[in-house]
């Protein structure tokens, strides 16, 4: 099946925003490894939920203002463009912080979906939406992310997945179709999809 498009996660995949999820959990008074968005969503309306949303926003905006491109990603995006392969983004970040990040780094990708647009990963709705926007099937796209929720979302959408893992692969790496330790090697991986 020809490759129509590549969908990227944002933080930890396209960009390094320096978000420290353990620090965010500590500021929110959440337990280690507790899912942040899901926990905030379950809070009843009121002051505590507002406090948590404000803390999360502060961390995300700080990350957006300091984000840098991952090594090798600019060249990989240029190759995708040269080959007329579409590029989109699906992130669990807010629309506000995502737009700041992409504008700062001059990344013109389409479409870009955030948790404010579609249910958060691992729900596959965002991936399905992007494929529909592109007019292709999920078997004609690849999702690249750096975390378990990315791989789960891809699998839930019946889409090929690539786990970007520059450090030692995590215990769930076997769930991805491919792993990638550097975007400098991504063009070779891309050839496997064509």
Protein backbone atom coordinates (compact mmCIF):
# COMPACT_ATOMS: atom_id res chain seq x y z
CA UNK A 1 0.00 0.00 0.00
CA UNK A 2 1.51 3.40 -0.95
CA UNK A 3 2.40 5.84 1.81
CA UNK A 4 0.10 8.84 1.62
CA UNK A 5 1.04 10.62 4.84
CA UNK A 6 2.97 10.62 8.09
CA UNK A 7 1.34 11.82 11.31
CA UNK A 8 3.59 12.93 14.15
CA UNK A 9 3.14 13.36 17.84
CA UNK A 10 4.49 16.76 18.94
CA UNK A 11 6.35 16.75 22.28
CA UNK A 12 9.17 14.26 22.42
CA UNK A 13 8.79 13.44 18.73
CA UNK A 14 8.82 16.48 16.45
CA UNK A 15 10.09 18.80 19.16
CA UNK A 16 11.88 18.74 22.48
CA UNK A 17 9.87 21.04 24.72
CA UNK A 18 11.58 19.96 27.91
CA UNK A 19 8.24 19.06 29.51
CA UNK A 20 8.88 17.21 32.76
CA UNK A 21 5.79 15.10 33.36
CA UNK A 22 6.99 14.04 36.82
CA UNK A 23 7.31 17.72 37.78
CA UNK A 24 3.84 18.43 36.39
CA UNK A 25 2.39 15.56 38.45
CA UNK A 26 4.17 16.85 41.55
CA UNK A 27 2.77 20.36 41.03
CA UNK A 28 -0.70 18.85 40.54
CA UNK A 29 -0.31 16.62 43.62
CA UNK A 30 -0.83 13.55 41.43
CA UNK A 31 0.77 10.17 42.06
CA UNK A 32 3.80 9.10 39.99
CA UNK A 33 2.80 7.77 36.55
CA UNK A 34 -0.81 8.89 37.09
CA UNK A 35 -2.28 9.93 33.68
CA UNK A 36 -2.42 13.72 33.78
CA UNK A 37 -5.15 14.62 31.30
CA UNK A 38 -7.45 11.78 32.31
CA UNK A 39 -7.10 12.64 36.01
CA UNK A 40 -7.78 16.34 35.47
CA UNK A 41 -10.78 15.50 33.28
CA UNK A 42 -12.30 13.37 36.06
CA UNK A 43 -12.10 16.17 38.63
CA UNK A 44 -15.47 17.72 39.46
CA UNK A 45 -16.01 21.30 38.30
CA UNK A 46 -14.64 23.73 40.86
CA UNK A 47 -11.56 25.40 42.26
CA UNK A 48 -9.35 22.29 42.29
CA UNK A 49 -9.99 21.58 38.62
CA UNK A 50 -9.31 25.23 37.74
CA UNK A 51 -6.07 25.09 39.74
CA UNK A 52 -4.93 21.96 37.92
CA UNK A 53 -5.81 23.36 34.49
CA UNK A 54 -3.87 26.56 35.29
CA UNK A 55 -0.79 24.58 36.36
CA UNK A 56 -0.95 22.38 33.27
CA UNK A 57 -1.31 25.46 31.04
CA UNK A 58 1.70 27.11 32.68
CA UNK A 59 3.89 24.04 32.07
CA UNK A 60 2.71 23.66 28.47
CA UNK A 61 3.25 27.32 27.61
CA UNK A 62 6.75 27.23 29.13
CA UNK A 63 7.48 24.17 27.01
CA UNK A 64 6.11 25.84 23.88
CA UNK A 65 8.34 28.87 24.36
CA UNK A 66 11.51 26.80 24.73
CA UNK A 67 10.80 23.98 22.26
CA UNK A 68 13.45 23.03 19.72
CA UNK A 69 13.29 20.70 16.74
CA UNK A 70 14.44 17.16 17.32
CA UNK A 71 17.79 16.42 15.67
CA UNK A 72 17.34 15.34 12.06
CA UNK A 73 13.65 16.17 11.89
CA UNK A 74 14.02 19.19 9.57
CA UNK A 75 15.79 17.11 6.93
CA UNK A 76 13.24 14.31 7.29
CA UNK A 77 10.33 16.72 6.86
CA UNK A 78 12.04 18.16 3.77
CA UNK A 79 12.35 14.64 2.31
CA UNK A 80 8.67 13.95 2.97
CA UNK A 81 7.79 17.19 1.19
CA UNK A 82 10.03 16.33 -1.78
CA UNK A 83 8.24 12.99 -2.08
CA UNK A 84 4.79 14.65 -1.84
CA UNK A 85 4.01 12.77 1.36
CA UNK A 86 1.58 14.69 3.54
CA UNK A 87 2.47 15.52 7.15
CA UNK A 88 0.09 16.09 10.05
CA UNK A 89 0.23 16.34 13.83
CA UNK A 90 -1.82 14.73 16.58
CA UNK A 91 -0.95 15.84 20.11
CA UNK A 92 -2.34 15.62 23.62
CA UNK A 93 -1.24 19.24 24.09
CA UNK A 94 -3.60 22.21 24.12
CA UNK A 95 -4.34 24.15 20.94
CA UNK A 96 -2.77 27.26 22.50
CA UNK A 97 0.60 25.68 23.29
CA UNK A 98 0.68 23.71 20.04
CA UNK A 99 0.12 26.81 17.91
CA UNK A 100 2.85 28.71 19.78
CA UNK A 101 5.30 25.82 19.27
CA UNK A 102 4.60 25.38 15.57
CA UNK A 103 4.61 29.13 14.87
CA UNK A 104 7.91 29.65 16.71
CA UNK A 105 9.57 26.80 14.83
CA UNK A 106 7.93 27.74 11.51
CA UNK A 107 6.43 24.30 10.99
CA UNK A 108 3.62 24.42 8.43
CA UNK A 109 1.90 21.06 8.81
CA UNK A 110 -1.69 20.17 7.98
CA UNK A 111 -3.83 19.19 9.69
CA UNK A 112 -2.82 19.72 13.30
CA UNK A 113 -5.18 18.27 15.91
CA UNK A 114 -4.94 18.77 19.68
CA UNK A 115 -6.86 17.59 22.73
CA UNK A 116 -9.08 20.62 22.21
CA UNK A 117 -10.13 19.27 18.81
CA UNK A 118 -10.52 15.51 19.30
CA UNK A 119 -10.47 12.99 22.17
CA UNK A 120 -6.95 12.55 23.52
CA UNK A 121 -4.78 9.60 22.50
CA UNK A 122 -4.94 6.64 22.88
CA UNK A 123 -8.37 7.30 21.34
CA UNK A 124 -7.87 6.87 17.57
CA UNK A 125 -10.35 9.61 16.59
CA UNK A 126 -7.64 12.12 15.71
CA UNK A 127 -5.79 9.71 13.44
CA UNK A 128 -9.02 8.72 11.72
CA UNK A 129 -9.91 12.40 11.29
CA UNK A 130 -6.56 13.21 9.67
CA UNK A 131 -6.82 10.29 7.25
CA UNK A 132 -10.33 11.36 6.32
CA UNK A 133 -9.03 14.90 5.75
CA UNK A 134 -6.33 13.52 3.47
CA UNK A 135 -8.74 11.19 1.67
CA UNK A 136 -6.73 8.08 2.46
CA UNK A 137 -7.14 4.90 4.45
CA UNK A 138 -5.35 4.29 7.72
CA UNK A 139 -3.29 1.63 5.95
CA UNK A 140 -1.82 4.42 3.79
CA UNK A 141 -0.51 6.42 6.76
CA UNK A 142 2.07 6.00 9.51
CA UNK A 143 1.95 7.42 13.04
CA UNK A 144 5.22 8.38 14.72
CA UNK A 145 5.28 8.97 18.47
CA UNK A 146 7.43 8.57 21.53
CA UNK A 147 5.03 7.15 24.11
CA UNK A 148 2.71 4.24 24.78
CA UNK A 149 -0.43 6.30 24.10
CA UNK A 150 0.89 7.02 20.59
CA UNK A 151 1.41 3.35 19.81
CA UNK A 152 -1.98 2.45 21.30
CA UNK A 153 -3.72 5.15 19.25
CA UNK A 154 -2.08 3.88 16.07
CA UNK A 155 -3.02 0.30 16.81
CA UNK A 156 -6.58 1.38 17.66
CA UNK A 157 -6.75 3.09 14.25
CA UNK A 158 -5.22 0.04 12.50
CA UNK A 159 -2.35 2.25 11.38
CA UNK A 160 1.34 1.37 11.14
CA UNK A 161 3.27 2.82 14.07
CA UNK A 162 6.82 3.97 14.66
CA UNK A 163 8.10 4.47 18.20
CA UNK A 164 10.71 7.24 18.35
CA UNK A 165 13.00 6.22 21.18
CA UNK A 166 16.41 7.93 21.20
CA UNK A 167 17.25 6.37 24.57
CA UNK A 168 16.85 2.72 25.58
CA UNK A 169 13.57 1.33 24.19
CA UNK A 170 10.80 1.15 26.82
CA UNK A 171 9.14 -2.12 27.80
CA UNK A 172 6.25 -1.49 25.39
CA UNK A 173 8.49 -0.97 22.32
CA UNK A 174 7.48 -4.37 20.93
CA UNK A 175 3.95 -3.02 20.41
CA UNK A 176 5.17 -0.67 17.67
CA UNK A 177 5.66 -1.84 14.09
CA UNK A 178 9.07 -0.16 14.01
CA UNK A 179 11.37 1.69 16.39
CA UNK A 180 13.53 4.64 15.45
CA UNK A 181 16.40 5.96 17.55
CA UNK A 182 17.32 8.91 15.31
CA UNK A 183 15.55 10.90 12.62
CA UNK A 184 18.84 10.82 10.72
CA UNK A 185 17.90 7.17 9.98
CA UNK A 186 14.26 7.93 9.18
CA UNK A 187 14.68 8.08 5.42
CA UNK A 188 15.85 4.45 5.36
CA UNK A 189 12.83 3.51 7.44
CA UNK A 190 10.58 5.51 5.13
CA UNK A 191 11.76 3.43 2.19
CA UNK A 192 10.36 0.32 3.92
CA UNK A 193 6.88 1.88 3.78
CA UNK A 194 6.98 2.74 0.09
